[in-house]
Amino acid sequence: MGFRDKVRGEASKTFKGLVIDDMPSGNVVLRPMLRLSDEETDRITALQKELNDLEKTEGASLSDVRSLLVEMTLVLADKPEGLEEYLSEFDTAEMVALYRLWAKETQASESKSRK
């Protein structure tokens, strides 16, 4: 195993993302921010800002919050095919929980690398 393989292996282990393991089409990984392209990072950042603005808006609908969270999840997914249908069974509370779990899991792996 060469040096590059060691680095790639360490990066894969440290920045692995959140795995959805019960998709009919197989595992889907919700990637950490460090694993996104520049375009995907820009899109997630814009969606997060939109979500924050929406949360401050009086009378914001739960369906709007849920829609943004679904869109964010699709951007984060390494294989988004079939994911929107899978997420259709998640209510808003479950989508918020999914987003928080992703944030916790990916933040934890990124902060471990800084120790």
N, C-alpha and C. Protein backbone atom coordinates (compact mmCIF):
# COMPACT_ATOMS: atom_id res chain seq x y z
N MET A 1 0.86 -1.18 0.00
CA MET A 1 0.00 0.00 0.00
C MET A 1 0.90 1.23 0.00
N GLY A 2 0.68 2.09 -0.97
CA GLY A 2 1.46 3.31 -1.07
C GLY A 2 0.91 4.41 -0.20
N PHE A 3 1.65 5.50 -0.15
CA PHE A 3 1.26 6.64 0.68
C PHE A 3 -0.10 7.19 0.28
N ARG A 4 -0.33 7.34 -1.01
CA ARG A 4 -1.61 7.88 -1.49
C ARG A 4 -2.77 7.00 -1.04
N ASP A 5 -2.58 5.68 -1.09
CA ASP A 5 -3.62 4.75 -0.64
C ASP A 5 -3.88 4.92 0.85
N LYS A 6 -2.82 5.14 1.63
CA LYS A 6 -2.98 5.36 3.07
C LYS A 6 -3.79 6.62 3.34
N VAL A 7 -3.47 7.68 2.61
CA VAL A 7 -4.19 8.96 2.78
C VAL A 7 -5.65 8.79 2.39
N ARG A 8 -5.89 8.16 1.26
CA ARG A 8 -7.27 7.94 0.82
C ARG A 8 -8.04 7.08 1.81
N GLY A 9 -7.40 6.05 2.33
CA GLY A 9 -8.04 5.19 3.32
C GLY A 9 -8.39 5.95 4.59
N GLU A 10 -7.46 6.78 5.05
CA GLU A 10 -7.71 7.59 6.25
C GLU A 10 -8.83 8.58 6.01
N ALA A 11 -8.83 9.23 4.85
CA ALA A 11 -9.89 10.20 4.52
C ALA A 11 -11.24 9.50 4.43
N SER A 12 -11.27 8.31 3.83
CA SER A 12 -12.53 7.57 3.71
C SER A 12 -13.06 7.17 5.08
N LYS A 13 -12.16 6.79 5.97
CA LYS A 13 -12.56 6.37 7.32
C LYS A 13 -13.02 7.58 8.15
N THR A 14 -12.30 8.68 8.05
CA THR A 14 -12.58 9.85 8.88
C THR A 14 -13.78 10.65 8.37
N PHE A 15 -13.92 10.76 7.07
CA PHE A 15 -14.97 11.59 6.47
C PHE A 15 -15.97 10.71 5.71
N LYS A 16 -16.53 9.73 6.42
CA LYS A 16 -17.36 8.74 5.75
C LYS A 16 -18.81 9.16 5.53
N GLY A 17 -19.31 10.12 6.23
CA GLY A 17 -20.69 10.54 6.04
C GLY A 17 -21.67 9.66 6.80
N LEU A 18 -22.94 9.89 6.56
CA LEU A 18 -24.03 9.17 7.21
C LEU A 18 -24.62 8.19 6.19
N VAL A 19 -24.65 6.91 6.55
CA VAL A 19 -25.11 5.87 5.63
C VAL A 19 -26.58 5.57 5.88
N ILE A 20 -27.38 5.63 4.81
CA ILE A 20 -28.76 5.16 4.84
C ILE A 20 -28.69 3.75 4.30
N ASP A 21 -28.93 2.78 5.17
CA ASP A 21 -28.68 1.39 4.80
C ASP A 21 -29.93 0.57 4.49
N ASP A 22 -31.07 1.22 4.41
CA ASP A 22 -32.29 0.45 4.11
C ASP A 22 -33.02 0.93 2.86
N MET A 23 -32.25 1.50 1.95
CA MET A 23 -32.82 1.89 0.66
C MET A 23 -32.98 0.63 -0.20
N PRO A 24 -34.07 0.51 -0.94
CA PRO A 24 -34.25 -0.65 -1.81
C PRO A 24 -33.11 -0.82 -2.82
N SER A 25 -32.53 0.29 -3.26
CA SER A 25 -31.47 0.24 -4.27
C SER A 25 -30.08 0.07 -3.68
N GLY A 26 -29.98 -0.06 -2.36
CA GLY A 26 -28.67 -0.21 -1.72
C GLY A 26 -28.33 1.00 -0.87
N ASN A 27 -27.16 0.95 -0.27
CA ASN A 27 -26.74 2.04 0.62
C ASN A 27 -26.59 3.37 -0.12
N VAL A 28 -26.98 4.43 0.58
CA VAL A 28 -26.78 5.80 0.11
C VAL A 28 -26.02 6.52 1.21
N VAL A 29 -24.99 7.25 0.83
CA VAL A 29 -24.19 7.99 1.80
C VAL A 29 -24.52 9.47 1.68
N LEU A 30 -24.88 10.07 2.83
CA LEU A 30 -25.03 11.52 2.89
C LEU A 30 -23.66 12.07 3.26
N ARG A 31 -23.01 12.63 2.27
CA ARG A 31 -21.60 13.01 2.38
C ARG A 31 -21.40 14.24 3.26
N PRO A 32 -20.25 14.29 3.94
CA PRO A 32 -19.91 15.50 4.69
C PRO A 32 -19.56 16.62 3.71
N MET A 33 -19.57 17.83 4.20
CA MET A 33 -19.30 19.00 3.35
C MET A 33 -17.96 18.88 2.62
N LEU A 34 -16.96 18.31 3.25
CA LEU A 34 -15.64 18.19 2.63
C LEU A 34 -15.63 17.26 1.42
N ARG A 35 -16.64 16.47 1.26
CA ARG A 35 -16.72 15.52 0.15
C ARG A 35 -17.59 16.02 -1.01
N LEU A 36 -18.11 17.24 -0.89
CA LEU A 36 -18.97 17.81 -1.94
C LEU A 36 -18.14 18.59 -2.94
N SER A 37 -18.65 18.68 -4.16
CA SER A 37 -18.03 19.55 -5.16
C SER A 37 -18.30 21.01 -4.79
N ASP A 38 -17.61 21.91 -5.44
CA ASP A 38 -17.83 23.34 -5.18
C ASP A 38 -19.28 23.72 -5.46
N GLU A 39 -19.83 23.19 -6.54
CA GLU A 39 -21.21 23.49 -6.92
C GLU A 39 -22.19 22.96 -5.86
N GLU A 40 -21.94 21.74 -5.38
CA GLU A 40 -22.80 21.16 -4.35
C GLU A 40 -22.68 21.93 -3.03
N THR A 41 -21.47 22.34 -2.69
CA THR A 41 -21.26 23.12 -1.48
C THR A 41 -22.02 24.44 -1.55
N ASP A 42 -21.93 25.10 -2.69
CA ASP A 42 -22.67 26.36 -2.88
C ASP A 42 -24.17 26.13 -2.74
N ARG A 43 -24.66 25.03 -3.29
CA ARG A 43 -26.10 24.73 -3.23
C ARG A 43 -26.54 24.43 -1.80
N ILE A 44 -25.75 23.65 -1.07
CA ILE A 44 -26.08 23.35 0.33
C ILE A 44 -26.04 24.62 1.16
N THR A 45 -25.05 25.45 0.95
CA THR A 45 -24.94 26.71 1.70
C THR A 45 -26.16 27.59 1.45
N ALA A 46 -26.58 27.68 0.19
CA ALA A 46 -27.75 28.48 -0.15
C ALA A 46 -29.02 27.89 0.48
N LEU A 47 -29.15 26.57 0.46
CA LEU A 47 -30.32 25.92 1.05
C LEU A 47 -30.33 26.10 2.57
N GLN A 48 -29.17 26.02 3.21
CA GLN A 48 -29.09 26.23 4.66
C GLN A 48 -29.49 27.66 5.02
N LYS A 49 -29.05 28.62 4.20
CA LYS A 49 -29.43 30.01 4.44
C LYS A 49 -30.93 30.18 4.27
N GLU A 50 -31.47 29.57 3.24
CA GLU A 50 -32.91 29.63 2.99
C GLU A 50 -33.69 29.00 4.15
N LEU A 51 -33.18 27.89 4.68
CA LEU A 51 -33.82 27.24 5.82
C LEU A 51 -33.77 28.13 7.06
N ASN A 52 -32.62 28.73 7.32
CA ASN A 52 -32.50 29.65 8.45
C ASN A 52 -33.45 30.84 8.31
N ASP A 53 -33.52 31.39 7.12
CA ASP A 53 -34.44 32.52 6.87
C ASP A 53 -35.89 32.09 7.06
N LEU A 54 -36.21 30.89 6.59
CA LEU A 54 -37.57 30.38 6.70
C LEU A 54 -37.96 30.17 8.17
N GLU A 55 -37.02 29.70 8.98
CA GLU A 55 -37.29 29.46 10.40
C GLU A 55 -37.58 30.78 11.13
N LYS A 56 -37.07 31.89 10.61
CA LYS A 56 -37.30 33.20 11.22
C LYS A 56 -38.58 33.86 10.72
N THR A 57 -39.15 33.28 9.67
CA THR A 57 -40.34 33.84 9.05
C THR A 57 -41.58 33.42 9.82
N GLU A 58 -42.34 34.41 10.23
CA GLU A 58 -43.60 34.11 10.93
C GLU A 58 -44.57 33.47 9.94
N GLY A 59 -45.16 32.39 10.34
CA GLY A 59 -46.14 31.72 9.49
C GLY A 59 -45.53 30.81 8.44
N ALA A 60 -44.24 30.49 8.57
CA ALA A 60 -43.61 29.57 7.61
C ALA A 60 -44.27 28.20 7.73
N SER A 61 -44.48 27.55 6.60
CA SER A 61 -45.17 26.26 6.64
C SER A 61 -44.18 25.12 6.87
N LEU A 62 -44.67 24.09 7.53
CA LEU A 62 -43.85 22.90 7.76
C LEU A 62 -43.52 22.21 6.45
N SER A 63 -44.42 22.29 5.49
CA SER A 63 -44.14 21.66 4.20
C SER A 63 -42.98 22.34 3.49
N ASP A 64 -42.85 23.66 3.67
CA ASP A 64 -41.71 24.37 3.08
C ASP A 64 -40.41 23.93 3.74
N VAL A 65 -40.42 23.78 5.06
CA VAL A 65 -39.24 23.31 5.79
C VAL A 65 -38.88 21.91 5.31
N ARG A 66 -39.86 21.03 5.24
CA ARG A 66 -39.63 19.66 4.80
C ARG A 66 -39.07 19.62 3.38
N SER A 67 -39.63 20.42 2.49
CA SER A 67 -39.15 20.45 1.10
C SER A 67 -37.69 20.85 1.01
N LEU A 68 -37.30 21.86 1.79
CA LEU A 68 -35.89 22.28 1.80
C LEU A 68 -34.99 21.17 2.32
N LEU A 69 -35.42 20.49 3.37
CA LEU A 69 -34.62 19.42 3.94
C LEU A 69 -34.48 18.24 2.97
N VAL A 70 -35.54 17.95 2.24
CA VAL A 70 -35.46 16.89 1.23
C VAL A 70 -34.47 17.30 0.14
N GLU A 71 -34.57 18.52 -0.32
CA GLU A 71 -33.66 19.00 -1.37
C GLU A 71 -32.20 18.95 -0.90
N MET A 72 -31.96 19.35 0.36
CA MET A 72 -30.61 19.29 0.92
C MET A 72 -30.11 17.85 0.95
N THR A 73 -30.97 16.93 1.35
CA THR A 73 -30.59 15.53 1.43
C THR A 73 -30.23 14.98 0.05
N LEU A 74 -30.98 15.38 -0.96
CA LEU A 74 -30.69 14.94 -2.33
C LEU A 74 -29.32 15.44 -2.80
N VAL A 75 -28.96 16.66 -2.41
CA VAL A 75 -27.65 17.21 -2.79
C VAL A 75 -26.54 16.46 -2.06
N LEU A 76 -26.76 16.13 -0.80
CA LEU A 76 -25.74 15.45 0.00
C LEU A 76 -25.52 13.99 -0.41
N ALA A 77 -26.53 13.39 -1.01
CA ALA A 77 -26.48 11.96 -1.33
C ALA A 77 -25.47 11.65 -2.43
N ASP A 78 -24.73 10.56 -2.22
CA ASP A 78 -23.81 10.11 -3.27
C ASP A 78 -24.56 9.46 -4.42
N LYS A 79 -25.73 8.88 -4.13
CA LYS A 79 -26.59 8.26 -5.16
C LYS A 79 -28.02 8.69 -4.88
N PRO A 80 -28.46 9.81 -5.43
CA PRO A 80 -29.80 10.33 -5.11
C PRO A 80 -30.96 9.59 -5.78
N GLU A 81 -30.68 8.67 -6.70
CA GLU A 81 -31.74 7.96 -7.41
C GLU A 81 -32.60 7.19 -6.42
N GLY A 82 -33.90 7.46 -6.43
CA GLY A 82 -34.84 6.77 -5.56
C GLY A 82 -34.95 7.34 -4.16
N LEU A 83 -34.07 8.27 -3.83
CA LEU A 83 -34.04 8.81 -2.47
C LEU A 83 -35.26 9.67 -2.18
N GLU A 84 -35.70 10.46 -3.14
CA GLU A 84 -36.86 11.33 -2.91
C GLU A 84 -38.09 10.48 -2.59
N GLU A 85 -38.26 9.39 -3.30
CA GLU A 85 -39.39 8.49 -3.02
C GLU A 85 -39.26 7.88 -1.62
N TYR A 86 -38.06 7.46 -1.27
CA TYR A 86 -37.79 6.91 0.07
C TYR A 86 -38.14 7.93 1.15
N LEU A 87 -37.75 9.18 0.93
CA LEU A 87 -37.99 10.23 1.92
C LEU A 87 -39.45 10.67 1.98
N SER A 88 -40.25 10.29 1.00
CA SER A 88 -41.66 10.70 0.99
C SER A 88 -42.41 10.15 2.20
N GLU A 89 -41.89 9.11 2.81
CA GLU A 89 -42.52 8.54 4.00
C GLU A 89 -42.08 9.23 5.29
N PHE A 90 -41.12 10.14 5.20
CA PHE A 90 -40.64 10.86 6.38
C PHE A 90 -41.46 12.13 6.56
N ASP A 91 -41.96 12.36 7.78
CA ASP A 91 -42.65 13.61 8.05
C ASP A 91 -41.60 14.69 8.36
N THR A 92 -42.07 15.89 8.63
CA THR A 92 -41.14 17.02 8.87
C THR A 92 -40.24 16.76 10.07
N ALA A 93 -40.79 16.24 11.15
CA ALA A 93 -39.98 15.96 12.34
C ALA A 93 -38.88 14.95 12.03
N GLU A 94 -39.20 13.94 11.24
CA GLU A 94 -38.20 12.94 10.88
C GLU A 94 -37.14 13.54 9.95
N MET A 95 -37.53 14.44 9.09
CA MET A 95 -36.55 15.10 8.22
C MET A 95 -35.61 15.99 9.04
N VAL A 96 -36.16 16.70 10.03
CA VAL A 96 -35.32 17.51 10.91
C VAL A 96 -34.35 16.59 11.67
N ALA A 97 -34.85 15.46 12.16
CA ALA A 97 -34.00 14.51 12.88
C ALA A 97 -32.90 13.96 11.96
N LEU A 98 -33.25 13.66 10.72
CA LEU A 98 -32.26 13.18 9.75
C LEU A 98 -31.17 14.23 9.54
N TYR A 99 -31.57 15.47 9.34
CA TYR A 99 -30.61 16.56 9.13
C TYR A 99 -29.70 16.73 10.35
N ARG A 100 -30.28 16.69 11.55
CA ARG A 100 -29.48 16.83 12.77
C ARG A 100 -28.51 15.66 12.93
N LEU A 101 -28.97 14.46 12.61
CA LEU A 101 -28.11 13.30 12.69
C LEU A 101 -26.94 13.42 11.71
N TRP A 102 -27.25 13.85 10.49
CA TRP A 102 -26.19 14.07 9.50
C TRP A 102 -25.20 15.10 10.02
N ALA A 103 -25.69 16.23 10.53
CA ALA A 103 -24.82 17.29 11.03
C ALA A 103 -23.95 16.79 12.18
N LYS A 104 -24.54 16.04 13.08
CA LYS A 104 -23.80 15.50 14.22
C LYS A 104 -22.73 14.51 13.76
N GLU A 105 -23.12 13.59 12.90
CA GLU A 105 -22.18 12.56 12.43
C GLU A 105 -21.04 13.16 11.62
N THR A 106 -21.33 14.07 10.75
CA THR A 106 -20.27 14.62 9.90
C THR A 106 -19.42 15.63 10.65
N GLN A 107 -19.99 16.38 11.55
CA GLN A 107 -19.21 17.31 12.36
C GLN A 107 -18.27 16.54 13.27
N ALA A 108 -18.77 15.45 13.83
CA ALA A 108 -17.95 14.64 14.74
C ALA A 108 -16.74 14.09 14.00
N SER A 109 -16.93 13.59 12.79
CA SER A 109 -15.79 13.03 12.06
C SER A 109 -14.80 14.10 11.66
N GLU A 110 -15.31 15.27 11.29
CA GLU A 110 -14.41 16.35 10.89
C GLU A 110 -13.65 16.88 12.09
N SER A 111 -14.31 17.00 13.26
CA SER A 111 -13.62 17.53 14.42
C SER A 111 -12.59 16.53 14.94
N LYS A 112 -12.84 15.22 14.79
CA LYS A 112 -11.86 14.22 15.22
C LYS A 112 -10.55 14.40 14.46
N SER A 113 -10.66 14.79 13.21
CA SER A 113 -9.45 14.92 12.39
C SER A 113 -8.62 16.12 12.81
N ARG A 114 -9.20 17.03 13.53
CA ARG A 114 -8.49 18.25 13.94
C ARG A 114 -7.76 18.09 15.26
N LYS A 115 -7.97 16.96 15.93
CA LYS A 115 -7.34 16.73 17.25
C LYS A 115 -5.89 16.38 17.08
